[in-house]
Amino acid sequence: MTKQDIVNTISEQTGLDKAVVLTTIEAFMATVKDALIEKKENVYLRGFGSFILKRRAQKTARNITQNTTMIIAEHNIPAFKPAKIFFEGVKAGK
């Protein structure tokens, strides 16, 4: 499902104009990105899930083409953790 499919579905369900729905979805995504990137805050959506930052520790990696080792610095990666009810629904196929 693409963003446009989501916009069409929400527009049909609510009767709102597609432009309004698209603007709302883009504002939501911008808010989540801003919270994760700028503010380093997790975003919790009860009943749906959480957008969280996971910390990856520093590690040593190997470049096999040049036969050298390199240090990969610790860094954050974004992740999504579904809510229990959402996870169980997908697991059960409902």
Protein backbone atom coordinates (compact mmCIF):
# COMPACT_ATOMS: atom_id res chain seq x y z
CA MET A 1 0.00 0.00 0.00
CA THR A 2 1.38 3.39 -0.99
CA LYS A 3 0.82 6.82 0.54
CA GLN A 4 -1.64 7.60 -2.27
CA ASP A 5 -3.61 4.43 -1.49
CA ILE A 6 -3.82 5.51 2.15
CA VAL A 7 -4.98 8.99 1.13
CA ASN A 8 -7.66 7.52 -1.14
CA THR A 9 -8.90 5.11 1.54
CA ILE A 10 -9.09 7.76 4.27
CA SER A 11 -10.75 10.20 1.89
CA GLU A 12 -13.42 7.63 1.00
CA GLN A 13 -14.00 6.65 4.64
CA THR A 14 -14.24 10.18 6.01
CA GLY A 15 -15.57 12.16 3.08
CA LEU A 16 -12.70 14.65 3.38
CA ASP A 17 -11.00 16.13 0.34
CA LYS A 18 -7.91 14.18 -0.80
CA ALA A 19 -5.74 17.32 -0.61
CA VAL A 20 -6.66 17.80 3.06
CA VAL A 21 -5.95 14.16 3.87
CA LEU A 22 -2.60 14.28 2.01
CA THR A 23 -1.57 17.44 3.87
CA THR A 24 -2.52 15.85 7.20
CA ILE A 25 -0.57 12.64 6.48
CA GLU A 26 2.51 14.59 5.36
CA ALA A 27 2.30 16.77 8.48
CA PHE A 28 2.07 13.62 10.63
CA MET A 29 5.15 12.10 8.96
CA ALA A 30 7.08 15.37 9.32
CA THR A 31 6.17 15.53 13.01
CA VAL A 32 7.34 11.96 13.64
CA LYS A 33 10.60 12.58 11.76
CA ASP A 34 11.19 15.83 13.66
CA ALA A 35 10.59 14.13 17.00
CA LEU A 36 13.02 11.31 16.18
CA ILE A 37 15.73 13.35 14.43
CA GLU A 38 15.72 16.76 16.10
CA LYS A 39 14.30 16.10 19.55
CA LYS A 40 15.55 12.51 19.97
CA GLU A 41 12.10 11.59 21.34
CA ASN A 42 10.13 8.40 20.80
CA VAL A 43 6.58 8.66 19.41
CA TYR A 44 3.94 6.51 21.11
CA LEU A 45 0.59 5.83 19.42
CA ARG A 46 -1.59 3.82 21.80
CA GLY A 47 -3.16 0.80 20.10
CA PHE A 48 -0.93 1.16 17.02
CA GLY A 49 2.72 1.17 18.04
CA SER A 50 5.80 3.24 18.75
CA PHE A 51 8.38 4.89 16.55
CA ILE A 52 11.57 4.55 18.57
CA LEU A 53 15.28 5.21 18.32
CA LYS A 54 17.54 2.22 18.81
CA ARG A 55 21.15 2.79 19.75
CA ARG A 56 23.73 0.74 17.91
CA ALA A 57 26.99 0.34 19.82
CA GLN A 58 30.39 1.03 18.33
CA LYS A 59 31.79 -1.98 16.53
CA THR A 60 34.75 -3.12 14.49
CA ALA A 61 34.03 -4.07 10.89
CA ARG A 62 36.15 -5.54 8.16
CA ASN A 63 36.56 -4.23 4.61
CA ILE A 64 37.33 -7.46 2.78
CA THR A 65 38.21 -5.82 -0.54
CA GLN A 66 41.00 -3.72 1.01
CA ASN A 67 41.75 -6.17 3.83
CA THR A 68 41.45 -3.49 6.50
CA THR A 69 39.50 -3.03 9.70
CA MET A 70 37.43 0.01 10.45
CA ILE A 71 35.54 1.34 13.42
CA ILE A 72 31.84 2.03 12.97
CA ALA A 73 30.82 4.67 15.48
CA GLU A 74 27.81 4.21 17.71
CA HIS A 75 24.67 5.62 16.13
CA ASN A 76 20.88 5.68 16.34
CA ILE A 77 18.53 3.95 13.92
CA PRO A 78 14.77 4.47 13.66
CA ALA A 79 12.53 1.48 14.36
CA PHE A 80 8.85 0.70 14.70
CA LYS A 81 7.52 -1.46 17.51
CA PRO A 82 3.89 -2.47 17.01
CA ALA A 83 1.46 -2.37 19.92
CA LYS A 84 0.56 -5.73 21.42
CA ILE A 85 -3.02 -5.63 20.09
CA PHE A 86 -1.74 -4.73 16.60
CA PHE A 87 0.91 -7.45 16.71
CA GLU A 88 -1.56 -10.09 17.88
CA GLY A 89 -4.06 -9.05 15.18
CA VAL A 90 -1.48 -9.47 12.42
CA LYS A 91 -0.26 -12.72 13.94
CA ALA A 92 -3.81 -14.12 14.04
CA GLY A 93 -4.49 -12.88 10.50
CA LYS A 94 -7.40 -10.63 11.50
